[in-house]
Amino acid sequence: MVNKWWHDKIVYQIYPKSFKDSNGDGVGDINGIIEKLDYLKDLGVDILWLTPFFTSPMVDNGYDVADFCDINPLFGTMEDMDKLLEETKKRDMYIMIDIVANHTSSEHRWFKEALKGKDNPFRDYYIFKDKPCNDHQSCFGGSAWEYVPSLNEYYFHEFAIEQPDLNWDNPKVREEIANAINFWMEKGVKGIRFDVIHHIGKEIENDIYGYGPKLHERVQELYRNSYGNYDIVTVGEAWGNLEQAKDFTLPERKELDMVFQFECTSYTNDHSRHGKFTPRPIDMKFVKDTLSKYQYGLNDCSWNALMVENHDLGRCINRFGDENFRVESSKAIATMNFLLKGTPYIYQGQEIGMMNIKMDKLEDYRDVEVYGKYDDLVKTGLLTHEEFMDGAYKEARDNNRIPVQWDDSKNAGFTTGDTPWIKVHPNYVDINVEKESKDPSSILNFYKKLLSLRKHSEYSPTFVYGKFDSYLDDSTDVFVYSRTDNNYSLGVITNMTNKNVEVELPFKYSKVLLSNYKKDYFSNKLLLEPFESFVVEIK
């Protein structure tokens, strides 16, 4: 494998609307990000992935883009973005942007033109039909087809009604997206996360919505015409399996550097019932087996994206850990995940152990998906209001979109205004950056040690490029793996449960490099405490 400049980097995802408000209007912004750059540098991150900050009516919080090459005034100006790029460069940090290639906002100039008549050239930028091809349902609830009386036609939208899908069969669309990417590359952006990239090869007439037959040729064309001409890092949001991940990430294919795998994080979605709003408990044996599968499958030919949280998921403590062991499970999840082979992705607030929020009423939610699914599931009688609210507490996307908890002042230090755009978690008085920064045993300070071990120690090359091997594969409670190169063999041991577990390690070790419990380790036969996790140098 050819070494890349980004192989040893750490990515931190910022949801600008909820990160830091600099002007008191209750909405996070670009200048708020600039305020916290030194904090992020001290944490140990290198690349800042910003979810969409482009012009948008914010129906889907920016994933409904109205102009790919301009800044949403909610977040600031182009001058603010130029300053952010300049300030990150001073700190040897980089910006990754989020490109939404599958759809636009219905407020985009292209779509407004498309509605003017069937002869308008922009009509072919979207997918219009005389009648629906099928009864496909939108991901956000309801039909994926919306009728336009003035045209006597329907347009297709995989997501919200206000997010019409682009027609990727049209070469002009492909050119427009490439041009938008080039605009940001020329500004000095060093990374791209592609939103739902697996949808751009859809063939609706054949009921194919993801992984259509033209998908990879379109990604390869985009590579040739835009980001492939720059030394950047790319990651795709591509819900699928290992073989599909390989199809994107084999270097000779010239498509993407890595994709997120959601097999672990989407396990809780019970599709035998009503998906994410009727979640099932996590199966940690499945999680372990899935992580190992991707490590072995991509070991020598490709690259992993190591992620347990993002803006579309609930908090990892609530999914993989235990609120009663918040500190221990936060540290264990990070250790288990971020010492695997691949690029770690930290979601804002993850480094202090932020948790899901229980909203008092439906109106407290801000996410378009919640309301669409409420109509589908509650108003039709499939779920009670109480059942839906319980599912939303466990899985709604707003769990990860509440403001970052900076200190114990009003509104968690997120805003000086009276009313943030979404509720602040009431536990911010006890769980916040300021408090954790002063506690040597905090989750935040553990993250700093963990990232330093991975990036700045003598063992760093082993953690970045070392071979992966797993052990005790039949265990339902403990995940044990090693990372090995010509210099070191390093072991990572994690009790994934909230109970004591006896384990006999298959190797002996000479040194403990990091542990989330204060105890001495002398033997390979151990009684692991709940969510105990430690890292060793193997003899």
Protein backbone atom coordinates (compact mmCIF):
# COMPACT_ATOMS: atom_id res chain seq x y z
CA MET A 1 0.00 0.00 0.00
CA VAL A 2 1.27 3.45 -0.95
CA ASN A 3 1.53 5.71 2.09
CA LYS A 4 -0.75 8.74 1.91
CA TRP A 5 -0.40 12.01 3.82
CA TRP A 6 -3.73 11.42 5.52
CA HIS A 7 -3.14 7.85 6.70
CA ASP A 8 -2.08 8.92 10.20
CA LYS A 9 -4.62 11.76 10.54
CA ILE A 10 -7.66 12.03 12.81
CA VAL A 11 -10.94 13.46 11.47
CA TYR A 12 -13.34 15.43 13.66
CA GLN A 13 -16.86 15.96 12.37
CA ILE A 14 -18.44 19.36 12.99
CA TYR A 15 -22.15 20.00 12.65
CA PRO A 16 -21.82 23.78 12.34
CA LYS A 17 -25.35 24.57 13.47
CA SER A 18 -24.68 22.96 16.87
CA PHE A 19 -20.95 23.43 17.41
CA LYS A 20 -20.42 27.00 18.67
CA ASP A 21 -22.47 30.17 18.23
CA SER A 22 -20.27 33.28 18.04
CA ASN A 23 -22.94 35.98 17.64
CA GLY A 24 -25.72 35.00 20.04
CA ASP A 25 -28.41 34.14 17.49
CA GLY A 26 -28.75 30.58 18.81
CA VAL A 27 -27.16 28.97 15.75
CA GLY A 28 -23.58 27.77 15.48
CA ASP A 29 -21.42 29.39 12.82
CA ILE A 30 -18.07 29.49 11.07
CA ASN A 31 -16.59 32.02 13.48
CA GLY A 32 -17.59 29.73 16.32
CA ILE A 33 -15.50 27.00 14.72
CA ILE A 34 -12.55 29.39 14.45
CA GLU A 35 -12.89 30.17 18.17
CA LYS A 36 -12.40 26.49 19.00
CA LEU A 37 -9.55 25.59 16.65
CA ASP A 38 -6.97 25.56 19.43
CA TYR A 39 -9.18 23.21 21.46
CA LEU A 40 -9.41 20.87 18.48
CA LYS A 41 -5.68 21.05 17.85
CA ASP A 42 -5.00 20.23 21.49
CA LEU A 43 -7.40 17.29 21.30
CA GLY A 44 -5.24 15.82 18.56
CA VAL A 45 -7.39 16.08 15.44
CA ASP A 46 -6.11 17.07 12.02
CA ILE A 47 -9.01 17.19 9.57
CA LEU A 48 -12.30 18.99 10.26
CA TRP A 49 -15.24 17.54 8.35
CA LEU A 50 -17.93 20.21 8.12
CA THR A 51 -21.45 19.12 7.30
CA PRO A 52 -23.04 21.36 4.64
CA PHE A 53 -22.67 25.09 5.25
CA PHE A 54 -23.88 26.06 1.78
CA THR A 55 -26.87 28.27 0.99
CA SER A 56 -29.95 26.30 2.01
CA PRO A 57 -33.51 26.75 3.35
CA MET A 58 -32.46 24.18 6.00
CA VAL A 59 -35.38 21.78 5.59
CA ASP A 60 -32.85 18.98 6.16
CA ASN A 61 -30.35 21.14 8.04
CA GLY A 62 -28.20 21.94 5.02
CA TYR A 63 -28.45 18.68 3.11
CA ASP A 64 -30.93 20.52 0.91
CA VAL A 65 -28.42 22.67 -0.97
CA ALA A 66 -29.60 25.76 -2.84
CA ASP A 67 -26.13 26.87 -4.00
CA PHE A 68 -23.06 24.64 -3.84
CA CYS A 69 -20.65 27.57 -4.13
CA ASP A 70 -21.97 30.03 -1.58
CA ILE A 71 -22.28 30.24 2.21
CA ASN A 72 -25.52 30.07 4.16
CA PRO A 73 -25.85 33.47 5.92
CA LEU A 74 -26.83 31.54 9.08
CA PHE A 75 -23.21 30.39 9.26
CA GLY A 76 -21.40 33.49 8.01
CA THR A 77 -19.82 34.69 4.80
CA MET A 78 -17.33 33.50 2.22
CA GLU A 79 -14.79 35.77 3.94
CA ASP A 80 -15.40 33.82 7.16
CA MET A 81 -14.80 30.56 5.31
CA ASP A 82 -11.60 31.91 3.78
CA LYS A 83 -10.44 32.86 7.28
CA LEU A 84 -11.27 29.37 8.59
CA LEU A 85 -9.19 27.84 5.80
CA GLU A 86 -6.35 30.22 6.62
CA GLU A 87 -6.51 29.56 10.38
CA THR A 88 -6.60 25.78 9.98
CA LYS A 89 -3.61 25.94 7.66
CA LYS A 90 -1.65 27.87 10.32
CA ARG A 91 -2.26 24.97 12.69
CA ASP A 92 -1.41 22.23 10.18
CA MET A 93 -5.06 21.28 10.04
CA TYR A 94 -7.33 20.72 7.05
CA ILE A 95 -10.96 21.16 6.02
CA MET A 96 -13.14 18.37 4.60
CA ILE A 97 -16.45 19.44 3.06
CA ASP A 98 -19.67 17.51 2.53
CA ILE A 99 -20.83 17.20 -1.09
CA VAL A 100 -24.49 16.31 -1.60
CA ALA A 101 -24.41 14.93 -5.13
CA ASN A 102 -27.70 13.03 -5.16
CA HIS A 103 -30.16 15.92 -4.84
CA THR A 104 -30.56 19.65 -4.33
CA SER A 105 -33.01 21.88 -2.54
CA SER A 106 -36.25 22.70 -4.31
CA GLU A 107 -35.08 26.31 -3.80
CA HIS A 108 -32.04 25.74 -6.02
CA ARG A 109 -32.01 27.90 -9.14
CA TRP A 110 -31.89 24.76 -11.28
CA PHE A 111 -35.13 23.41 -9.85
CA LYS A 112 -36.90 26.76 -10.00
CA GLU A 113 -36.01 26.90 -13.69
CA ALA A 114 -37.16 23.30 -14.15
CA LEU A 115 -40.63 24.23 -12.90
CA LYS A 116 -41.05 26.89 -15.60
CA GLY A 117 -41.98 24.40 -18.30
CA LYS A 118 -41.29 21.11 -20.00
CA ASP A 119 -39.10 22.81 -22.59
CA ASN A 120 -36.82 24.44 -20.03
CA PRO A 121 -33.32 22.86 -20.26
CA PHE A 122 -33.10 22.59 -16.48
CA ARG A 123 -36.08 20.25 -16.37
CA ASP A 124 -33.72 17.46 -17.41
CA TYR A 125 -31.54 18.21 -14.38
CA TYR A 126 -34.16 16.33 -12.34
CA ILE A 127 -36.29 13.21 -12.64
CA PHE A 128 -39.76 14.07 -13.92
CA LYS A 129 -42.36 11.54 -15.06
CA ASP A 130 -45.92 11.76 -16.37
CA LYS A 131 -46.88 9.39 -13.58
CA PRO A 132 -45.02 7.58 -10.80
CA CYS A 133 -43.05 4.58 -12.00
CA ASN A 134 -43.78 2.75 -8.77
CA ASP A 135 -44.94 3.15 -5.19
CA HIS A 136 -41.45 3.78 -3.77
CA GLN A 137 -41.46 5.44 -0.35
CA SER A 138 -39.24 8.34 0.66
CA CYS A 139 -36.64 7.71 3.37
CA PHE A 140 -38.31 10.51 5.33
CA GLY A 141 -41.83 9.12 5.01
CA GLY A 142 -44.57 9.22 2.43
CA SER A 143 -44.37 8.74 -1.32
CA ALA A 144 -41.11 9.47 -3.14
CA TRP A 145 -43.14 11.10 -5.92
CA GLU A 146 -44.45 14.67 -5.73
CA TYR A 147 -47.02 16.05 -8.13
CA VAL A 148 -46.46 19.44 -9.83
CA PRO A 149 -49.83 20.76 -11.04
CA SER A 150 -48.33 23.38 -13.36
CA LEU A 151 -46.45 20.68 -15.27
CA ASN A 152 -48.96 17.85 -14.74
CA GLU A 153 -45.92 15.74 -13.86
CA TYR A 154 -44.30 14.13 -10.84
CA TYR A 155 -40.72 14.48 -9.66
CA PHE A 156 -38.76 11.93 -7.66
CA HIS A 157 -37.30 12.63 -4.20
CA GLU A 158 -35.57 9.90 -2.21
CA PHE A 159 -35.59 12.17 0.85
CA ALA A 160 -37.78 15.19 1.69
CA ILE A 161 -40.27 16.69 -0.77
CA GLU A 162 -38.00 19.75 -0.81
CA GLN A 163 -35.02 17.60 -1.93
CA PRO A 164 -35.60 16.63 -5.59
CA ASP A 165 -33.15 14.04 -6.90
CA LEU A 166 -30.74 15.06 -9.63
CA ASN A 167 -30.79 13.23 -12.95
CA TRP A 168 -27.29 11.78 -13.22
CA ASP A 169 -28.03 10.52 -16.73
CA ASN A 170 -27.69 14.16 -17.80
CA PRO A 171 -24.03 14.99 -18.55
CA LYS A 172 -24.68 18.63 -17.62
CA VAL A 173 -25.53 17.56 -14.06
CA ARG A 174 -22.31 15.60 -13.81
CA GLU A 175 -20.39 18.62 -15.10
CA GLU A 176 -22.09 20.98 -12.62
CA ILE A 177 -21.19 18.80 -9.62
CA ALA A 178 -17.59 18.47 -10.84
CA ASN A 179 -17.36 22.25 -11.23
CA ALA A 180 -18.68 22.79 -7.70
CA ILE A 181 -16.07 20.41 -6.31
CA ASN A 182 -13.31 22.16 -8.26
CA PHE A 183 -14.43 25.50 -6.82
CA TRP A 184 -13.73 24.26 -3.29
CA MET A 185 -10.56 22.43 -4.24
CA GLU A 186 -9.13 25.67 -5.60
CA LYS A 187 -9.91 27.33 -2.27
CA GLY A 188 -7.69 24.82 -0.49
CA VAL A 189 -10.16 22.26 0.83
CA LYS A 190 -8.31 18.97 1.42
CA GLY A 191 -11.12 16.45 1.81
CA ILE A 192 -14.60 15.47 0.65
CA ARG A 193 -17.26 13.38 2.30
CA PHE A 194 -19.82 12.33 -0.33
CA ASP A 195 -23.38 12.14 0.95
CA VAL A 196 -25.37 9.01 -0.09
CA ILE A 197 -23.03 8.56 -3.06
CA HIS A 198 -24.41 5.08 -3.76
CA HIS A 199 -27.66 6.65 -5.03
CA ILE A 200 -26.22 8.48 -8.05
CA GLY A 201 -26.44 5.37 -10.25
CA LYS A 202 -30.14 4.76 -9.61
CA GLU A 203 -32.44 3.31 -12.26
CA ILE A 204 -35.90 4.12 -10.98
CA GLU A 205 -37.70 2.41 -13.85
CA ASN A 206 -36.05 -0.85 -12.73
CA ASP A 207 -36.62 -0.25 -9.01
CA ILE A 208 -32.87 0.26 -8.44
CA TYR A 209 -32.14 3.06 -5.99
CA GLY A 210 -28.69 2.22 -4.66
CA TYR A 211 -25.73 0.63 -6.44
CA GLY A 212 -27.11 0.96 -9.92
CA PRO A 213 -25.12 -0.41 -12.88
CA LYS A 214 -23.70 3.02 -13.81
CA LEU A 215 -22.69 4.00 -10.27
CA HIS A 216 -18.98 3.30 -10.48
CA GLU A 217 -18.44 4.75 -13.93
CA ARG A 218 -20.03 7.95 -12.65
CA VAL A 219 -17.83 8.11 -9.58
CA GLN A 220 -14.79 7.44 -11.76
CA GLU A 221 -15.84 10.23 -14.13
CA LEU A 222 -16.22 12.59 -11.18
CA TYR A 223 -12.74 11.56 -9.99
CA ARG A 224 -11.22 12.34 -13.40
CA ASN A 225 -12.98 15.67 -13.77
CA SER A 226 -12.57 17.03 -10.27
CA TYR A 227 -11.06 15.74 -7.03
CA GLY A 228 -8.73 13.21 -8.66
CA ASN A 229 -6.65 16.17 -9.85
CA TYR A 230 -5.93 17.27 -6.26
CA ASP A 231 -4.07 15.68 -3.37
CA ILE A 232 -7.03 15.24 -1.06
CA VAL A 233 -8.77 12.52 0.99
CA THR A 234 -12.25 11.23 0.19
CA VAL A 235 -14.84 9.18 2.07
CA GLY A 236 -18.23 8.04 0.89
CA GLU A 237 -21.47 7.56 2.74
CA ALA A 238 -22.39 4.32 1.03
CA TRP A 239 -24.71 2.03 2.93
CA GLY A 240 -23.84 -1.47 1.86
CA ASN A 241 -21.54 -4.40 2.53
CA LEU A 242 -17.86 -5.31 2.42
CA GLU A 243 -17.77 -6.22 -1.25
CA GLN A 244 -19.45 -2.96 -2.19
CA ALA A 245 -16.95 -1.09 -0.01
CA LYS A 246 -14.10 -2.75 -1.90
CA ASP A 247 -15.65 -1.70 -5.20
CA PHE A 248 -15.32 1.92 -4.13
CA THR A 249 -11.94 1.78 -2.43
CA LEU A 250 -9.54 -0.43 -4.36
CA PRO A 251 -6.82 2.06 -5.39
CA GLU A 252 -6.71 0.95 -9.01
CA ARG A 253 -10.39 1.81 -9.42
CA LYS A 254 -9.71 5.53 -8.79
CA GLU A 255 -12.93 6.27 -6.96
CA LEU A 256 -12.82 6.87 -3.17
CA ASP A 257 -10.23 6.42 -0.46
CA MET A 258 -12.67 4.84 2.00
CA VAL A 259 -16.36 4.47 2.81
CA PHE A 260 -18.27 4.33 6.06
CA GLN A 261 -19.64 0.92 6.96
CA PHE A 262 -22.97 1.09 8.75
CA GLU A 263 -23.48 -2.60 9.45
CA CYS A 264 -22.60 -2.07 13.11
CA THR A 265 -24.41 1.20 13.70
CA SER A 266 -27.57 0.23 11.82
CA TYR A 267 -27.92 -3.17 13.52
CA THR A 268 -30.39 -1.67 16.00
CA ASN A 269 -32.80 -0.77 13.16
CA ASP A 270 -35.35 -3.58 13.37
CA HIS A 271 -36.59 -3.86 9.79
CA SER A 272 -38.86 -6.73 10.73
CA ARG A 273 -40.91 -4.04 12.50
CA HIS A 274 -40.61 -0.32 11.70
CA GLY A 275 -36.89 0.33 11.34
CA LYS A 276 -35.03 2.82 13.52
CA PHE A 277 -38.11 3.92 15.47
CA THR A 278 -38.62 0.38 16.77
CA PRO A 279 -34.98 -0.37 17.67
CA ARG A 280 -33.64 -3.63 19.06
CA PRO A 281 -30.75 -4.02 21.51
CA ILE A 282 -27.25 -4.11 20.08
CA ASP A 283 -25.51 -7.46 19.65
CA MET A 284 -21.88 -6.81 20.57
CA LYS A 285 -20.76 -10.17 19.16
CA PHE A 286 -22.15 -9.02 15.82
CA VAL A 287 -20.31 -5.71 16.21
CA LYS A 288 -17.03 -7.48 16.92
CA ASP A 289 -17.46 -9.88 14.01
CA THR A 290 -18.35 -7.03 11.64
CA LEU A 291 -15.38 -4.89 12.63
CA SER A 292 -13.08 -7.89 12.16
CA LYS A 293 -14.66 -8.71 8.80
CA TYR A 294 -13.84 -5.25 7.45
CA GLN A 295 -10.35 -5.30 8.95
CA TYR A 296 -9.52 -8.61 7.28
CA GLY A 297 -11.36 -7.72 4.09
CA LEU A 298 -9.56 -4.41 3.61
CA ASN A 299 -6.28 -5.33 5.35
CA ASP A 300 -3.90 -5.25 2.41
CA CYS A 301 -5.78 -3.59 -0.41
CA SER A 302 -7.86 -0.74 0.93
CA TRP A 303 -8.65 1.54 3.85
CA ASN A 304 -11.22 1.72 6.65
CA ALA A 305 -13.21 4.64 8.06
CA LEU A 306 -13.44 4.07 11.82
CA MET A 307 -16.72 5.59 12.98
CA VAL A 308 -19.27 4.93 15.74
CA GLU A 309 -21.06 8.32 15.74
CA ASN A 310 -22.13 10.92 13.24
CA HIS A 311 -24.89 13.46 12.65
CA ASP A 312 -27.35 10.76 11.54
CA LEU A 313 -26.88 8.44 14.52
CA GLY A 314 -27.52 8.44 18.24
CA ARG A 315 -24.67 8.65 20.73
CA CYS A 316 -22.34 5.66 20.91
CA ILE A 317 -22.77 5.37 24.69
CA ASN A 318 -26.47 4.73 24.19
CA ARG A 319 -25.86 2.23 21.41
CA PHE A 320 -22.66 0.36 22.34
CA GLY A 321 -22.13 1.39 25.96
CA ASP A 322 -24.08 1.97 29.15
CA GLU A 323 -25.13 5.26 30.76
CA ASN A 324 -24.42 3.68 34.17
CA PHE A 325 -20.82 3.22 33.01
CA ARG A 326 -20.63 6.38 30.91
CA VAL A 327 -16.95 7.12 31.51
CA GLU A 328 -15.75 3.52 31.27
CA SER A 329 -17.80 2.63 28.20
CA SER A 330 -16.88 5.86 26.37
CA LYS A 331 -13.20 5.09 26.83
CA ALA A 332 -13.65 1.43 25.92
CA ILE A 333 -15.53 2.18 22.69
CA ALA A 334 -12.85 4.66 21.62
CA THR A 335 -10.00 2.25 22.38
CA MET A 336 -11.71 -0.65 20.65
CA ASN A 337 -12.47 1.38 17.53
CA PHE A 338 -9.67 3.90 17.03
CA LEU A 339 -6.73 1.49 17.23
CA LEU A 340 -8.03 -0.56 14.33
CA LYS A 341 -6.56 -0.02 10.88
CA GLY A 342 -8.12 3.02 9.24
CA THR A 343 -8.91 6.68 9.77
CA PRO A 344 -10.66 7.57 13.07
CA TYR A 345 -13.71 9.83 12.81
CA ILE A 346 -14.77 11.59 16.02
CA TYR A 347 -18.15 13.30 16.13
CA GLN A 348 -18.42 16.56 18.07
CA GLY A 349 -19.12 15.91 21.77
CA GLN A 350 -18.13 12.27 21.53
CA GLU A 351 -14.83 13.14 23.21
CA ILE A 352 -16.66 14.23 26.38
CA GLY A 353 -19.19 11.42 26.44
CA MET A 354 -22.32 13.30 25.39
CA MET A 355 -25.49 11.21 25.50
CA ASN A 356 -28.89 10.95 23.82
CA ILE A 357 -31.49 13.48 24.93
CA LYS A 358 -35.03 12.60 26.02
CA MET A 359 -37.31 15.21 24.49
CA ASP A 360 -40.43 16.10 26.48
CA LYS A 361 -42.70 16.41 23.47
CA LEU A 362 -42.71 15.81 19.74
CA GLU A 363 -42.46 19.55 19.04
CA ASP A 364 -39.01 19.62 20.66
CA TYR A 365 -37.60 17.71 17.68
CA ARG A 366 -36.31 19.64 14.69
CA ASP A 367 -35.57 16.83 12.25
CA VAL A 368 -37.75 16.45 9.15
CA GLU A 369 -37.36 12.66 9.39
CA VAL A 370 -39.04 12.55 12.80
CA TYR A 371 -42.17 14.26 11.52
CA GLY A 372 -42.36 12.23 8.32
CA LYS A 373 -42.02 8.97 10.20
CA TYR A 374 -44.49 10.11 12.87
CA ASP A 375 -47.08 10.53 10.12
CA ASP A 376 -46.22 7.10 8.70
CA LEU A 377 -46.19 5.22 11.98
CA VAL A 378 -48.36 6.99 14.57
CA LYS A 379 -51.05 8.65 12.52
CA THR A 380 -51.66 5.31 10.76
CA GLY A 381 -51.91 3.44 14.06
CA LEU A 382 -48.82 1.28 13.62
CA LEU A 383 -47.23 2.72 16.79
CA THR A 384 -48.56 4.64 19.75
CA HIS A 385 -47.24 8.12 20.45
CA GLU A 386 -45.39 6.76 23.49
CA GLU A 387 -43.78 3.95 21.50
CA PHE A 388 -42.62 6.38 18.84
CA MET A 389 -41.17 8.81 21.40
CA ASP A 390 -39.25 5.98 23.05
CA GLY A 391 -37.82 4.99 19.66
CA ALA A 392 -36.93 8.61 18.92
CA TYR A 393 -35.06 8.88 22.22
CA LYS A 394 -32.96 5.88 21.19
CA GLU A 395 -32.44 6.58 17.51
CA ALA A 396 -33.60 10.01 16.30
CA ARG A 397 -30.96 12.04 14.49
CA ASP A 398 -31.50 15.04 16.76
CA ASN A 399 -29.74 13.10 19.55
CA ASN A 400 -26.46 14.05 17.93
CA ARG A 401 -27.54 17.49 16.78
CA ILE A 402 -28.02 19.16 20.15
CA PRO A 403 -25.45 21.83 21.07
CA VAL A 404 -21.95 20.90 22.17
CA GLN A 405 -21.61 21.27 25.94
CA TRP A 406 -18.69 23.66 26.45
CA ASP A 407 -19.17 24.68 30.10
CA ASP A 408 -21.76 24.90 32.89
CA SER A 409 -22.97 28.41 32.05
CA LYS A 410 -26.38 29.11 30.52
CA ASN A 411 -27.06 26.99 27.41
CA ALA A 412 -23.85 25.05 28.04
CA GLY A 413 -21.73 27.93 26.75
CA PHE A 414 -22.94 27.18 23.22
CA THR A 415 -24.61 30.57 22.76
CA THR A 416 -24.86 33.87 24.62
CA GLY A 417 -28.41 34.20 23.30
CA ASP A 418 -31.49 33.16 25.19
CA THR A 419 -32.73 30.43 22.87
CA PRO A 420 -30.59 27.90 20.99
CA TRP A 421 -32.14 26.48 17.83
CA ILE A 422 -32.63 23.12 19.56
CA LYS A 423 -32.74 22.08 23.21
CA VAL A 424 -29.55 21.71 25.24
CA HIS A 425 -29.11 18.47 27.17
CA PRO A 426 -29.94 19.14 30.84
CA ASN A 427 -26.85 17.18 31.96
CA TYR A 428 -24.52 19.89 30.63
CA VAL A 429 -23.82 21.13 34.16
CA ASP A 430 -22.00 17.86 34.90
CA ILE A 431 -20.83 16.93 31.41
CA ASN A 432 -18.93 19.68 29.59
CA VAL A 433 -15.57 20.44 28.04
CA GLU A 434 -14.41 22.84 30.74
CA LYS A 435 -15.05 20.40 33.58
CA GLU A 436 -13.51 17.45 31.76
CA SER A 437 -10.42 19.42 30.76
CA LYS A 438 -9.62 19.88 34.46
CA ASP A 439 -10.12 16.22 35.39
CA PRO A 440 -7.09 14.03 34.59
CA SER A 441 -9.29 10.91 34.56
CA SER A 442 -11.97 12.37 32.27
CA ILE A 443 -13.09 11.00 28.92
CA LEU A 444 -11.64 14.08 27.21
CA ASN A 445 -8.17 13.57 28.65
CA PHE A 446 -8.32 9.86 27.87
CA TYR A 447 -9.09 10.73 24.23
CA LYS A 448 -5.99 12.93 24.15
CA LYS A 449 -3.84 10.07 25.45
CA LEU A 450 -5.39 7.59 23.04
CA LEU A 451 -4.92 9.82 19.99
CA SER A 452 -1.37 10.65 21.05
CA LEU A 453 -0.57 6.94 21.38
CA ARG A 454 -1.89 6.37 17.89
CA LYS A 455 -0.22 9.42 16.32
CA HIS A 456 2.85 10.49 18.26
CA SER A 457 4.38 7.46 19.97
CA GLU A 458 7.02 4.98 18.87
CA TYR A 459 4.11 2.62 18.18
CA SER A 460 2.36 4.92 15.73
CA PRO A 461 3.51 3.18 12.53
CA THR A 462 2.23 -0.11 13.91
CA PHE A 463 -1.18 1.33 14.74
CA VAL A 464 -1.42 3.00 11.33
CA TYR A 465 -0.13 0.25 9.05
CA GLY A 466 0.25 -2.87 11.17
CA LYS A 467 -1.46 -6.14 10.27
CA PHE A 468 -4.74 -6.91 12.07
CA ASP A 469 -5.45 -10.25 13.74
CA SER A 470 -8.34 -11.10 16.05
CA TYR A 471 -8.43 -13.63 18.90
CA LEU A 472 -11.05 -15.34 21.06
CA ASP A 473 -13.47 -14.98 18.17
CA ASP A 474 -16.11 -17.16 19.86
CA SER A 475 -16.34 -14.87 22.86
CA THR A 476 -19.59 -12.90 23.07
CA ASP A 477 -18.16 -10.49 25.65
CA VAL A 478 -14.54 -9.67 24.83
CA PHE A 479 -12.92 -8.24 21.72
CA VAL A 480 -9.19 -8.99 21.48
CA TYR A 481 -7.06 -8.06 18.50
CA SER A 482 -3.45 -7.28 17.64
CA ARG A 483 -1.70 -4.86 15.31
CA THR A 484 1.68 -6.13 14.12
CA ASP A 485 4.57 -4.98 11.95
CA ASN A 486 8.31 -5.66 11.87
CA ASN A 487 8.89 -3.56 14.99
CA TYR A 488 6.05 -4.30 17.39
CA SER A 489 3.11 -6.52 18.13
CA LEU A 490 0.44 -4.61 20.06
CA GLY A 491 -2.67 -6.02 21.69
CA VAL A 492 -6.02 -4.35 22.34
CA ILE A 493 -8.36 -6.00 24.84
CA THR A 494 -11.91 -4.77 25.52
CA ASN A 495 -14.71 -6.07 27.70
CA MET A 496 -17.71 -4.96 25.66
CA THR A 497 -20.24 -5.60 28.44
CA ASN A 498 -21.44 -4.07 31.71
CA LYS A 499 -20.49 -7.16 33.71
CA ASN A 500 -17.29 -8.73 35.03
CA VAL A 501 -15.77 -11.17 32.56
CA GLU A 502 -12.99 -13.73 33.05
CA VAL A 503 -10.59 -13.99 30.15
CA GLU A 504 -7.35 -15.80 29.40
CA LEU A 505 -5.40 -13.92 26.78
CA PRO A 506 -3.76 -15.92 23.98
CA PHE A 507 -0.51 -13.97 24.33
CA LYS A 508 1.82 -12.64 27.00
CA TYR A 509 2.66 -8.98 27.25
CA SER A 510 5.58 -6.96 28.51
CA LYS A 511 4.06 -3.52 28.96
CA VAL A 512 0.67 -1.84 29.38
CA LEU A 513 0.48 1.24 27.15
CA LEU A 514 -2.98 2.53 28.06
CA SER A 515 -5.89 1.47 30.26
CA ASN A 516 -9.26 2.92 31.24
CA TYR A 517 -9.02 1.42 34.74
CA LYS A 518 -6.40 2.21 37.37
CA LYS A 519 -5.01 -1.23 38.16
CA ASP A 520 -1.94 -3.36 37.73
CA TYR A 521 -1.77 -6.02 35.04
CA PHE A 522 0.57 -8.95 35.62
CA SER A 523 -1.03 -11.98 34.00
CA ASN A 524 -2.73 -13.09 30.82
CA LYS A 525 -5.51 -14.61 32.95
CA LEU A 526 -7.68 -11.72 34.08
CA LEU A 527 -11.00 -10.68 35.54
CA LEU A 528 -12.08 -7.74 33.41
CA GLU A 529 -14.38 -5.18 35.00
CA PRO A 530 -17.34 -3.64 33.08
CA PHE A 531 -16.14 -2.02 29.85
CA GLU A 532 -12.52 -2.45 30.85
CA SER A 533 -10.16 -1.83 27.96
CA PHE A 534 -6.38 -1.76 27.77
CA VAL A 535 -3.54 -1.78 25.25
CA VAL A 536 -0.34 -3.82 25.62
CA GLU A 537 2.96 -4.51 23.94
CA ILE A 538 3.01 -8.24 23.24
CA LYS A 539 6.15 -10.21 24.11
